[in-house]
Amino acid sequence: MAQAVAVLASLKPADRIWVVGAVNGDIAALQAVHAKLARKIRAGDRLVYTGNYWGDGPGDNVVAAVNEVLLFRRFFIAQDGVDLADIVFLRGAAEEMLTKLQQLQFAPNPGEVFEWMLSRGAAGIVRAYGFNPATVQATMRQGAHLISQWTGHLSDALRRHSGHGALMADLKHAAYVSDGSLIFVHAGLDSSRALTAQTDTFWWGASMFEAITERYYDCTRIIRGASNNTPGISEREYTLSLDGGAGRGGKLVAAAIGQNGQIVDRIES
């Protein structure tokens, strides 16, 4: 239980909790949102990023997007009255894949796993650290020793980018307001399970999120930043989606959520 709790972030109640939708490595959209958000942040605000800082774009853009997140983190925590616990970074599907990429030598079928990741946007992650996805794909057919060498090179490349490894280590699976009123996830939530028992639903359970039609425990609203099928702001009685399609030709969305779960302010790139 202690380990499960450690991957969840607790936020103190606030009049405004800013939530940034899935970034998907879209550096231009992220910079535009940050420029507007910097003018709107005020004392007492909280900030939640919902994941996919890494994305399936050009490698340089992906690295720049991660660096931009780190820069704005420093700006935010430098504001008067801000505590380190007032900003949360959620693990997105991209970050989950980045973790699994570094463990491919342990997979029973690494080639199939890598193919599956490529179909979900992992090529941009691979390119970001200087590797050619096609070359890596060939490596996946050459046995555990060479695969282990490559995963080691990937981990080394990640560490060479200042702050990238630390950000990965700081990611949370979900966040919640300490009074139980609001929950923040990347893409999915299984309403039949407690928050500490979600397994990989946070990243791959988007359809379960969309099926929520009843209150989840005492939570007023569950907010997510990634929606596989229906990009855009989507408000329902107990859920809110904030995926504007960044990195896929759409916009990056950020919204300030009030204590009642309603949007009280919003920004688009």
Protein backbone atom coordinates (compact mmCIF):
# COMPACT_ATOMS: atom_id res chain seq x y z
CA MET A 1 0.00 0.00 0.00
CA ALA A 2 2.83 2.41 0.85
CA GLN A 3 4.28 2.01 -2.65
CA ALA A 4 0.86 2.62 -4.22
CA VAL A 5 0.37 5.78 -2.19
CA ALA A 6 3.87 6.99 -3.14
CA VAL A 7 2.92 7.18 -6.82
CA LEU A 8 -0.10 9.37 -6.06
CA ALA A 9 0.18 13.11 -5.40
CA SER A 10 -1.96 14.92 -2.86
CA LEU A 11 -2.75 18.59 -3.48
CA LYS A 12 -4.07 21.02 -0.91
CA PRO A 13 -7.49 22.47 -1.81
CA ALA A 14 -7.29 25.68 -3.85
CA ASP A 15 -9.59 28.11 -5.59
CA ARG A 16 -7.78 27.38 -8.86
CA ILE A 17 -5.89 24.30 -9.95
CA TRP A 18 -4.39 24.78 -13.40
CA VAL A 19 -4.39 21.61 -15.48
CA VAL A 20 -2.31 21.34 -18.66
CA GLY A 21 -3.53 18.81 -21.24
CA ALA A 22 -1.32 16.21 -22.90
CA VAL A 23 1.68 18.00 -24.44
CA ASN A 24 2.64 15.29 -26.96
CA GLY A 25 6.04 16.87 -27.48
CA ASP A 26 4.53 19.99 -29.08
CA ILE A 27 7.12 22.60 -28.15
CA ALA A 28 5.47 25.54 -29.96
CA ALA A 29 2.09 24.91 -28.33
CA LEU A 30 3.69 24.44 -24.91
CA GLN A 31 5.63 27.70 -25.16
CA ALA A 32 2.47 29.55 -26.20
CA VAL A 33 0.50 28.17 -23.24
CA HIS A 34 3.34 28.90 -20.81
CA ALA A 35 3.57 32.52 -22.01
CA LYS A 36 -0.14 33.02 -21.28
CA LEU A 37 -0.10 31.00 -18.07
CA ALA A 38 2.79 33.04 -16.67
CA ARG A 39 0.56 36.13 -16.80
CA LYS A 40 -2.37 34.39 -15.11
CA ILE A 41 -0.70 32.49 -12.25
CA ARG A 42 -1.45 34.02 -8.88
CA ALA A 43 -0.76 33.21 -5.24
CA GLY A 44 -2.49 30.05 -4.07
CA ASP A 45 -2.77 28.41 -7.50
CA ARG A 46 -1.76 24.79 -8.03
CA LEU A 47 -0.46 23.30 -11.28
CA VAL A 48 -0.92 19.80 -12.72
CA TYR A 49 0.63 18.55 -15.95
CA THR A 50 -1.14 15.48 -17.30
CA GLY A 51 1.72 13.85 -19.20
CA ASN A 52 3.06 13.06 -22.67
CA TYR A 53 5.88 15.61 -22.40
CA TRP A 54 7.73 13.28 -24.77
CA GLY A 55 5.90 12.88 -28.08
CA ASP A 56 6.06 11.47 -31.59
CA GLY A 57 7.62 14.46 -33.33
CA PRO A 58 11.12 15.43 -34.50
CA GLY A 59 13.69 14.48 -31.88
CA ASP A 60 14.86 18.05 -31.29
CA ASN A 61 11.29 19.21 -30.67
CA VAL A 62 10.68 16.45 -28.13
CA VAL A 63 13.84 17.32 -26.20
CA ALA A 64 12.92 21.02 -26.33
CA ALA A 65 9.42 20.31 -24.98
CA VAL A 66 10.82 18.43 -21.98
CA ASN A 67 13.30 21.24 -21.35
CA GLU A 68 10.46 23.78 -21.55
CA VAL A 69 8.52 21.88 -18.88
CA LEU A 70 11.56 21.98 -16.61
CA LEU A 71 12.02 25.72 -17.20
CA PHE A 72 8.42 26.53 -16.30
CA ARG A 73 8.67 24.37 -13.20
CA ARG A 74 11.50 26.60 -11.99
CA PHE A 75 9.44 29.70 -12.79
CA PHE A 76 6.40 28.39 -10.93
CA ILE A 77 8.15 27.31 -7.74
CA ALA A 78 9.95 30.68 -7.63
CA GLN A 79 6.62 32.47 -7.12
CA ASP A 80 5.84 33.79 -3.64
CA GLY A 81 4.10 31.31 -1.38
CA VAL A 82 4.51 28.32 -3.70
CA ASP A 83 5.39 24.98 -2.14
CA LEU A 84 7.06 22.15 -4.05
CA ALA A 85 3.93 20.08 -3.50
CA ASP A 86 1.84 22.67 -5.40
CA ILE A 87 3.03 21.38 -8.79
CA VAL A 88 2.51 17.82 -10.01
CA PHE A 89 3.71 16.01 -13.10
CA LEU A 90 1.69 12.97 -14.11
CA ARG A 91 3.14 10.06 -16.02
CA GLY A 92 1.60 9.83 -19.48
CA ALA A 93 1.53 6.97 -21.96
CA ALA A 94 4.71 8.35 -23.56
CA GLU A 95 6.56 8.31 -20.25
CA GLU A 96 5.29 4.81 -19.50
CA MET A 97 6.71 3.69 -22.85
CA LEU A 98 10.02 5.45 -22.16
CA THR A 99 10.27 3.44 -18.94
CA LYS A 100 9.45 0.18 -20.72
CA LEU A 101 11.90 0.94 -23.55
CA GLN A 102 14.69 0.81 -20.98
CA GLN A 103 13.54 -2.66 -19.89
CA LEU A 104 13.05 -4.35 -23.27
CA GLN A 105 15.76 -6.93 -22.61
CA PHE A 106 13.44 -8.48 -20.03
CA ALA A 107 10.45 -8.75 -22.38
CA PRO A 108 9.66 -12.28 -23.65
CA ASN A 109 8.98 -10.85 -27.13
CA PRO A 110 10.90 -7.53 -27.37
CA GLY A 111 10.35 -7.17 -31.11
CA GLU A 112 6.58 -7.31 -30.77
CA VAL A 113 6.62 -4.98 -27.78
CA PHE A 114 8.73 -2.45 -29.68
CA GLU A 115 6.41 -2.67 -32.71
CA TRP A 116 3.45 -2.03 -30.42
CA MET A 117 5.19 1.02 -28.94
CA LEU A 118 5.99 2.39 -32.39
CA SER A 119 2.31 2.15 -33.29
CA ARG A 120 1.58 4.37 -30.28
CA GLY A 121 4.14 7.10 -30.95
CA ALA A 122 7.38 5.84 -29.42
CA ALA A 123 9.43 6.71 -32.52
CA GLY A 124 9.69 10.33 -31.39
CA ILE A 125 11.03 9.23 -28.01
CA VAL A 126 13.66 7.04 -29.68
CA ARG A 127 14.70 9.85 -32.05
CA ALA A 128 14.91 12.34 -29.17
CA TYR A 129 17.90 10.50 -27.74
CA GLY A 130 19.75 10.03 -31.01
CA PHE A 131 18.54 6.65 -32.25
CA ASN A 132 16.97 5.58 -35.53
CA PRO A 133 13.73 3.65 -34.91
CA ALA A 134 14.39 1.35 -37.89
CA THR A 135 17.86 0.47 -36.58
CA VAL A 136 16.47 -0.21 -33.11
CA GLN A 137 13.76 -2.35 -34.67
CA ALA A 138 16.47 -4.51 -36.26
CA THR A 139 18.31 -4.74 -32.93
CA MET A 140 15.18 -6.21 -31.35
CA ARG A 141 15.70 -9.32 -33.52
CA GLN A 142 19.34 -9.86 -32.51
CA GLY A 143 19.05 -11.33 -29.05
CA ALA A 144 19.04 -10.28 -25.41
CA HIS A 145 22.71 -9.21 -25.27
CA LEU A 146 22.46 -6.59 -28.02
CA ILE A 147 19.05 -5.47 -26.77
CA SER A 148 20.54 -4.99 -23.31
CA GLN A 149 23.37 -2.94 -24.78
CA TRP A 150 20.88 -0.70 -26.57
CA THR A 151 18.69 -0.16 -23.50
CA GLY A 152 21.84 0.80 -21.61
CA HIS A 153 22.73 3.33 -24.31
CA LEU A 154 19.19 4.75 -24.12
CA SER A 155 19.42 5.14 -20.34
CA ASP A 156 22.82 6.83 -20.70
CA ALA A 157 21.43 9.23 -23.31
CA LEU A 158 18.52 10.10 -21.03
CA ARG A 159 20.92 10.91 -18.17
CA ARG A 160 23.03 13.14 -20.41
CA HIS A 161 20.08 15.50 -20.83
CA SER A 162 20.01 17.57 -17.66
CA GLY A 163 16.82 17.13 -15.68
CA HIS A 164 15.21 14.50 -17.92
CA GLY A 165 15.95 11.57 -15.62
CA ALA A 166 14.94 13.57 -12.56
CA LEU A 167 11.62 14.47 -14.18
CA MET A 168 10.95 10.81 -14.98
CA ALA A 169 11.67 9.90 -11.36
CA ASP A 170 9.29 12.60 -10.11
CA LEU A 171 6.26 11.53 -12.18
CA LYS A 172 3.07 10.49 -10.39
CA HIS A 173 0.44 8.05 -11.61
CA ALA A 174 -2.44 10.32 -10.53
CA ALA A 175 -3.16 13.30 -8.31
CA TYR A 176 -6.05 14.17 -6.03
CA VAL A 177 -7.15 17.05 -3.83
CA SER A 178 -6.72 16.08 -0.20
CA ASP A 179 -10.43 16.57 0.56
CA GLY A 180 -11.27 14.02 -2.14
CA SER A 181 -13.17 16.49 -4.32
CA LEU A 182 -11.05 16.28 -7.49
CA ILE A 183 -8.90 13.63 -9.16
CA PHE A 184 -6.44 14.18 -12.02
CA VAL A 185 -5.33 11.42 -14.39
CA HIS A 186 -3.55 11.09 -17.71
CA ALA A 187 -6.15 9.23 -19.79
CA GLY A 188 -8.12 6.59 -17.93
CA LEU A 189 -9.63 5.42 -14.68
CA ASP A 190 -11.49 2.22 -13.77
CA SER A 191 -14.36 3.39 -11.58
CA SER A 192 -14.79 -0.11 -10.12
CA ARG A 193 -11.35 0.06 -8.49
CA ALA A 194 -9.83 2.28 -5.83
CA LEU A 195 -7.29 4.88 -6.93
CA THR A 196 -4.49 2.74 -5.46
CA ALA A 197 -5.55 -0.31 -7.50
CA GLN A 198 -5.63 1.04 -11.06
CA THR A 199 -2.60 -0.86 -12.51
CA ASP A 200 -2.02 0.51 -16.06
CA THR A 201 -5.51 1.95 -16.49
CA PHE A 202 -4.21 5.50 -16.07
CA TRP A 203 -2.44 5.22 -19.46
CA TRP A 204 -4.44 2.67 -21.46
CA GLY A 205 -7.94 2.83 -19.96
CA ALA A 206 -9.39 5.77 -21.88
CA SER A 207 -12.57 3.86 -22.72
CA MET A 208 -13.17 3.16 -19.03
CA PHE A 209 -12.95 6.88 -18.31
CA GLU A 210 -15.51 7.59 -21.01
CA ALA A 211 -17.86 5.03 -19.47
CA ILE A 212 -18.03 6.81 -16.09
CA THR A 213 -21.63 7.89 -15.42
CA GLU A 214 -21.74 7.85 -11.63
CA ARG A 215 -19.89 9.61 -8.84
CA TYR A 216 -16.54 8.01 -7.99
CA TYR A 217 -16.42 7.79 -4.19
CA ASP A 218 -16.75 11.41 -2.94
CA CYS A 219 -15.10 12.93 -6.01
CA THR A 220 -16.95 15.81 -7.67
CA ARG A 221 -15.05 15.48 -10.94
CA ILE A 222 -12.24 13.49 -12.54
CA ILE A 223 -10.06 15.48 -14.95
CA ARG A 224 -7.84 13.97 -17.63
CA GLY A 225 -5.46 15.46 -20.19
CA ALA A 226 -5.35 12.79 -22.90
CA SER A 227 -8.20 11.45 -25.00
CA ASN A 228 -7.41 8.93 -27.73
CA ASN A 229 -10.60 9.29 -29.75
CA THR A 230 -12.25 12.61 -28.95
CA PRO A 231 -9.77 15.49 -28.73
CA GLY A 232 -11.11 18.76 -27.38
CA ILE A 233 -12.65 19.96 -24.15
CA SER A 234 -15.36 17.50 -23.17
CA GLU A 235 -17.43 18.16 -20.03
CA ARG A 236 -19.71 15.55 -18.52
CA GLU A 237 -21.35 15.41 -15.12
CA TYR A 238 -18.50 13.64 -13.35
CA THR A 239 -15.62 13.92 -15.84
CA LEU A 240 -13.69 16.51 -17.81
CA SER A 241 -11.30 15.94 -20.74
CA LEU A 242 -8.74 18.59 -21.71
CA ASP A 243 -7.05 17.16 -24.81
CA GLY A 244 -6.98 19.82 -27.51
CA GLY A 245 -4.98 17.72 -29.95
CA ALA A 246 -1.51 19.16 -29.31
CA GLY A 247 1.13 17.43 -31.39
CA ARG A 248 -1.56 16.16 -33.78
CA GLY A 249 -2.46 19.38 -35.55
CA GLY A 250 -4.63 20.72 -32.74
CA LYS A 251 -4.08 23.00 -29.75
CA LEU A 252 -2.69 22.58 -26.26
CA VAL A 253 -5.32 23.36 -23.65
CA ALA A 254 -4.87 24.45 -20.04
CA ALA A 255 -7.77 25.12 -17.70
CA ALA A 256 -8.14 26.45 -14.18
CA ILE A 257 -10.45 24.18 -12.20
CA GLY A 258 -12.40 25.57 -9.26
CA GLN A 259 -13.20 23.69 -6.07
CA ASN A 260 -16.55 22.60 -7.54
CA GLY A 261 -14.84 20.98 -10.52
CA GLN A 262 -15.93 23.65 -13.00
CA ILE A 263 -13.65 25.48 -15.44
CA VAL A 264 -13.09 29.02 -14.13
CA ASP A 265 -10.46 30.06 -16.71
CA ARG A 266 -8.85 28.52 -19.77
CA ILE A 267 -5.95 28.96 -22.17
CA GLU A 268 -5.28 27.61 -25.64
CA SER A 269 -2.04 27.70 -27.59
